[in-house]
Amino acid sequence: MFGNRNDERLPLQRALEAAASLKPGSWESVESLAVLAIECKGTPEAEQLYQTASRAAAQLKAGTYDAVRALAWLSRAGRELHAVSGRGGEP
């Protein structure tokens, strides 16, 4: 179910690899990248993941449950990564 059971890599490393194999520009990729950006907060990869998710989301058609969920995660990632003086939001 989760690939090679003998994989000794950290779950985050495996998640980053799995996200890279998702269909670019899909709601699944937007949501996954946003969640990973939150998880990577404080690392150089966090902002790159957030920006990639944001660019992908800007080009997708909205109006589905999946779209709402992915955009909510993207909003949360923006808040978590760009919080200023206790106030979050996108830059």
N, C-alpha and C. Protein backbone atom coordinates (compact mmCIF):
# COMPACT_ATOMS: atom_id res chain seq x y z
N MET A 1 0.82 -1.20 0.00
CA MET A 1 0.00 0.00 0.00
C MET A 1 0.86 1.25 0.00
N PHE A 2 1.93 1.26 0.76
CA PHE A 2 2.76 2.44 0.86
C PHE A 2 4.13 2.23 0.24
N GLY A 3 4.23 1.36 -0.73
CA GLY A 3 5.49 1.14 -1.41
C GLY A 3 6.35 0.12 -0.70
N ASN A 4 7.63 0.25 -0.87
CA ASN A 4 8.60 -0.68 -0.33
C ASN A 4 8.60 -0.66 1.19
N ARG A 5 8.30 -1.75 1.81
CA ARG A 5 8.25 -1.82 3.28
C ARG A 5 9.64 -1.72 3.90
N ASN A 6 10.67 -1.94 3.12
CA ASN A 6 12.04 -1.85 3.62
C ASN A 6 12.63 -0.46 3.44
N ASP A 7 11.81 0.49 3.04
CA ASP A 7 12.27 1.85 2.82
C ASP A 7 12.58 2.50 4.16
N GLU A 8 13.83 2.81 4.38
CA GLU A 8 14.28 3.36 5.66
C GLU A 8 14.22 4.88 5.72
N ARG A 9 13.81 5.50 4.62
CA ARG A 9 13.75 6.96 4.60
C ARG A 9 12.68 7.47 5.55
N LEU A 10 12.85 8.70 5.99
CA LEU A 10 11.85 9.34 6.84
C LEU A 10 10.54 9.51 6.07
N PRO A 11 9.41 9.49 6.77
CA PRO A 11 8.12 9.66 6.10
C PRO A 11 8.06 10.96 5.28
N LEU A 12 8.65 12.04 5.78
CA LEU A 12 8.61 13.30 5.04
C LEU A 12 9.34 13.17 3.71
N GLN A 13 10.46 12.49 3.69
CA GLN A 13 11.19 12.29 2.44
C GLN A 13 10.35 11.49 1.45
N ARG A 14 9.68 10.47 1.94
CA ARG A 14 8.83 9.66 1.06
C ARG A 14 7.64 10.47 0.58
N ALA A 15 7.08 11.34 1.44
CA ALA A 15 5.95 12.18 1.04
C ALA A 15 6.35 13.17 -0.04
N LEU A 16 7.53 13.77 0.10
CA LEU A 16 8.00 14.71 -0.92
C LEU A 16 8.17 14.02 -2.27
N GLU A 17 8.69 12.81 -2.24
CA GLU A 17 8.84 12.05 -3.49
C GLU A 17 7.48 11.70 -4.09
N ALA A 18 6.55 11.29 -3.25
CA ALA A 18 5.22 10.94 -3.73
C ALA A 18 4.52 12.17 -4.33
N ALA A 19 4.66 13.33 -3.69
CA ALA A 19 4.03 14.55 -4.20
C ALA A 19 4.58 14.93 -5.57
N ALA A 20 5.86 14.67 -5.77
CA ALA A 20 6.47 14.99 -7.06
C ALA A 20 5.90 14.13 -8.18
N SER A 21 5.34 12.97 -7.84
CA SER A 21 4.80 12.10 -8.87
C SER A 21 3.32 12.34 -9.14
N LEU A 22 2.68 13.24 -8.38
CA LEU A 22 1.28 13.56 -8.64
C LEU A 22 1.14 14.35 -9.93
N LYS A 23 -0.02 14.27 -10.52
CA LYS A 23 -0.27 15.00 -11.77
C LYS A 23 -0.14 16.50 -11.51
N PRO A 24 0.78 17.16 -12.19
CA PRO A 24 0.94 18.61 -11.99
C PRO A 24 -0.35 19.35 -12.33
N GLY A 25 -0.69 20.31 -11.50
CA GLY A 25 -1.87 21.12 -11.76
C GLY A 25 -3.18 20.49 -11.31
N SER A 26 -3.10 19.36 -10.63
CA SER A 26 -4.33 18.74 -10.12
C SER A 26 -4.62 19.29 -8.73
N TRP A 27 -5.89 19.17 -8.31
CA TRP A 27 -6.23 19.59 -6.96
C TRP A 27 -5.50 18.74 -5.93
N GLU A 28 -5.26 17.50 -6.27
CA GLU A 28 -4.51 16.64 -5.37
C GLU A 28 -3.11 17.16 -5.14
N SER A 29 -2.49 17.64 -6.21
CA SER A 29 -1.12 18.15 -6.07
C SER A 29 -1.12 19.46 -5.28
N VAL A 30 -2.11 20.32 -5.49
CA VAL A 30 -2.20 21.58 -4.75
C VAL A 30 -2.32 21.30 -3.26
N GLU A 31 -3.26 20.43 -2.92
CA GLU A 31 -3.48 20.11 -1.51
C GLU A 31 -2.25 19.46 -0.89
N SER A 32 -1.67 18.51 -1.58
CA SER A 32 -0.49 17.82 -1.06
C SER A 32 0.68 18.77 -0.85
N LEU A 33 0.92 19.64 -1.81
CA LEU A 33 2.02 20.59 -1.69
C LEU A 33 1.78 21.58 -0.54
N ALA A 34 0.53 22.00 -0.36
CA ALA A 34 0.21 22.91 0.74
C ALA A 34 0.45 22.25 2.09
N VAL A 35 0.00 21.01 2.23
CA VAL A 35 0.21 20.28 3.48
C VAL A 35 1.71 20.08 3.74
N LEU A 36 2.45 19.74 2.70
CA LEU A 36 3.90 19.57 2.84
C LEU A 36 4.59 20.89 3.20
N ALA A 37 4.11 21.99 2.65
CA ALA A 37 4.69 23.29 2.99
C ALA A 37 4.53 23.57 4.48
N ILE A 38 3.36 23.26 5.02
CA ILE A 38 3.13 23.44 6.46
C ILE A 38 4.08 22.55 7.25
N GLU A 39 4.20 21.31 6.83
CA GLU A 39 5.07 20.37 7.54
C GLU A 39 6.53 20.79 7.48
N CYS A 40 6.93 21.44 6.40
CA CYS A 40 8.33 21.86 6.22
C CYS A 40 8.60 23.27 6.75
N LYS A 41 7.64 23.86 7.44
CA LYS A 41 7.80 25.22 7.96
C LYS A 41 9.15 25.37 8.66
N GLY A 42 9.82 26.46 8.34
CA GLY A 42 11.13 26.72 8.92
C GLY A 42 12.29 26.18 8.09
N THR A 43 11.97 25.56 6.97
CA THR A 43 13.02 25.06 6.08
C THR A 43 12.95 25.81 4.75
N PRO A 44 14.03 25.80 3.99
CA PRO A 44 14.01 26.47 2.69
C PRO A 44 12.97 25.88 1.73
N GLU A 45 12.66 24.61 1.89
CA GLU A 45 11.71 23.96 0.98
C GLU A 45 10.28 24.45 1.18
N ALA A 46 9.95 24.92 2.37
CA ALA A 46 8.57 25.30 2.68
C ALA A 46 8.03 26.35 1.72
N GLU A 47 8.75 27.41 1.53
CA GLU A 47 8.27 28.49 0.65
C GLU A 47 8.20 28.03 -0.80
N GLN A 48 9.14 27.21 -1.22
CA GLN A 48 9.11 26.69 -2.59
C GLN A 48 7.88 25.81 -2.80
N LEU A 49 7.57 24.96 -1.85
CA LEU A 49 6.38 24.12 -1.94
C LEU A 49 5.12 24.97 -1.99
N TYR A 50 5.06 26.00 -1.13
CA TYR A 50 3.90 26.88 -1.10
C TYR A 50 3.72 27.61 -2.43
N GLN A 51 4.79 28.14 -2.96
CA GLN A 51 4.72 28.88 -4.23
C GLN A 51 4.29 27.96 -5.38
N THR A 52 4.80 26.74 -5.39
CA THR A 52 4.42 25.78 -6.43
C THR A 52 2.93 25.47 -6.33
N ALA A 53 2.44 25.25 -5.11
CA ALA A 53 1.01 24.99 -4.92
C ALA A 53 0.17 26.19 -5.33
N SER A 54 0.62 27.37 -5.00
CA SER A 54 -0.11 28.59 -5.32
C SER A 54 -0.20 28.81 -6.83
N ARG A 55 0.89 28.59 -7.53
CA ARG A 55 0.88 28.73 -8.99
C ARG A 55 -0.05 27.72 -9.64
N ALA A 56 -0.02 26.50 -9.14
CA ALA A 56 -0.89 25.47 -9.69
C ALA A 56 -2.36 25.79 -9.43
N ALA A 57 -2.67 26.26 -8.23
CA ALA A 57 -4.06 26.57 -7.88
C ALA A 57 -4.61 27.72 -8.71
N ALA A 58 -3.76 28.67 -9.06
CA ALA A 58 -4.21 29.84 -9.82
C ALA A 58 -4.70 29.46 -11.22
N GLN A 59 -4.33 28.29 -11.69
CA GLN A 59 -4.68 27.90 -13.06
C GLN A 59 -5.77 26.83 -13.13
N LEU A 60 -6.32 26.47 -11.98
CA LEU A 60 -7.31 25.40 -11.97
C LEU A 60 -8.72 25.95 -11.87
N LYS A 61 -9.64 25.19 -12.41
CA LYS A 61 -11.05 25.57 -12.36
C LYS A 61 -11.62 25.22 -10.98
N ALA A 62 -12.28 26.18 -10.38
CA ALA A 62 -12.87 25.97 -9.05
C ALA A 62 -14.29 25.42 -9.19
N GLY A 63 -14.91 25.17 -8.05
CA GLY A 63 -16.32 24.80 -8.07
C GLY A 63 -16.61 23.38 -7.65
N THR A 64 -15.65 22.69 -7.07
CA THR A 64 -15.89 21.33 -6.59
C THR A 64 -15.45 21.22 -5.14
N TYR A 65 -15.89 20.17 -4.50
CA TYR A 65 -15.47 19.89 -3.13
C TYR A 65 -13.95 19.82 -3.05
N ASP A 66 -13.34 19.12 -3.99
CA ASP A 66 -11.88 18.99 -4.00
C ASP A 66 -11.20 20.35 -4.13
N ALA A 67 -11.78 21.23 -4.94
CA ALA A 67 -11.21 22.56 -5.12
C ALA A 67 -11.26 23.34 -3.81
N VAL A 68 -12.40 23.30 -3.15
CA VAL A 68 -12.55 24.01 -1.88
C VAL A 68 -11.56 23.49 -0.86
N ARG A 69 -11.44 22.20 -0.76
CA ARG A 69 -10.53 21.59 0.21
C ARG A 69 -9.07 21.97 -0.08
N ALA A 70 -8.67 21.88 -1.33
CA ALA A 70 -7.30 22.22 -1.69
C ALA A 70 -7.01 23.70 -1.44
N LEU A 71 -7.95 24.57 -1.78
CA LEU A 71 -7.75 26.00 -1.56
C LEU A 71 -7.73 26.34 -0.07
N ALA A 72 -8.52 25.62 0.72
CA ALA A 72 -8.48 25.83 2.17
C ALA A 72 -7.11 25.45 2.73
N TRP A 73 -6.56 24.35 2.27
CA TRP A 73 -5.21 23.96 2.72
C TRP A 73 -4.17 24.97 2.25
N LEU A 74 -4.33 25.49 1.04
CA LEU A 74 -3.40 26.49 0.54
C LEU A 74 -3.48 27.76 1.39
N SER A 75 -4.68 28.15 1.76
CA SER A 75 -4.86 29.31 2.62
C SER A 75 -4.20 29.09 3.98
N ARG A 76 -4.40 27.90 4.53
CA ARG A 76 -3.78 27.59 5.82
C ARG A 76 -2.26 27.62 5.71
N ALA A 77 -1.72 27.09 4.63
CA ALA A 77 -0.27 27.11 4.44
C ALA A 77 0.24 28.55 4.38
N GLY A 78 -0.49 29.41 3.68
CA GLY A 78 -0.10 30.82 3.62
C GLY A 78 -0.11 31.47 4.99
N ARG A 79 -1.11 31.17 5.76
CA ARG A 79 -1.21 31.70 7.12
C ARG A 79 -0.06 31.19 7.99
N GLU A 80 0.20 29.91 7.92
CA GLU A 80 1.25 29.30 8.75
C GLU A 80 2.64 29.80 8.37
N LEU A 81 2.88 29.95 7.09
CA LEU A 81 4.22 30.33 6.64
C LEU A 81 4.47 31.82 6.67
N HIS A 82 3.41 32.62 6.56
CA HIS A 82 3.59 34.07 6.44
C HIS A 82 2.99 34.85 7.59
N ALA A 83 2.80 34.20 8.72
CA ALA A 83 2.23 34.87 9.89
C ALA A 83 3.15 36.01 10.34
N VAL A 84 2.54 37.18 10.57
CA VAL A 84 3.28 38.36 11.03
C VAL A 84 2.61 38.86 12.30
N SER A 85 3.35 38.88 13.38
CA SER A 85 2.83 39.37 14.66
C SER A 85 1.51 38.74 15.06
N GLY A 86 1.43 37.41 14.87
CA GLY A 86 0.21 36.70 15.25
C GLY A 86 -0.91 36.82 14.27
N ARG A 87 -0.71 37.54 13.19
CA ARG A 87 -1.74 37.71 12.18
C ARG A 87 -1.30 37.01 10.91
N GLY A 88 -2.07 36.07 10.43
CA GLY A 88 -1.67 35.30 9.26
C GLY A 88 -2.22 35.88 7.99
N GLY A 89 -1.89 35.22 6.90
CA GLY A 89 -2.41 35.62 5.61
C GLY A 89 -1.38 35.41 4.54
N GLU A 90 -1.82 35.55 3.33
CA GLU A 90 -0.93 35.40 2.21
C GLU A 90 -0.22 36.72 1.96
N PRO A 91 0.99 36.63 1.41
CA PRO A 91 1.76 37.87 1.19
C PRO A 91 1.13 38.79 0.18
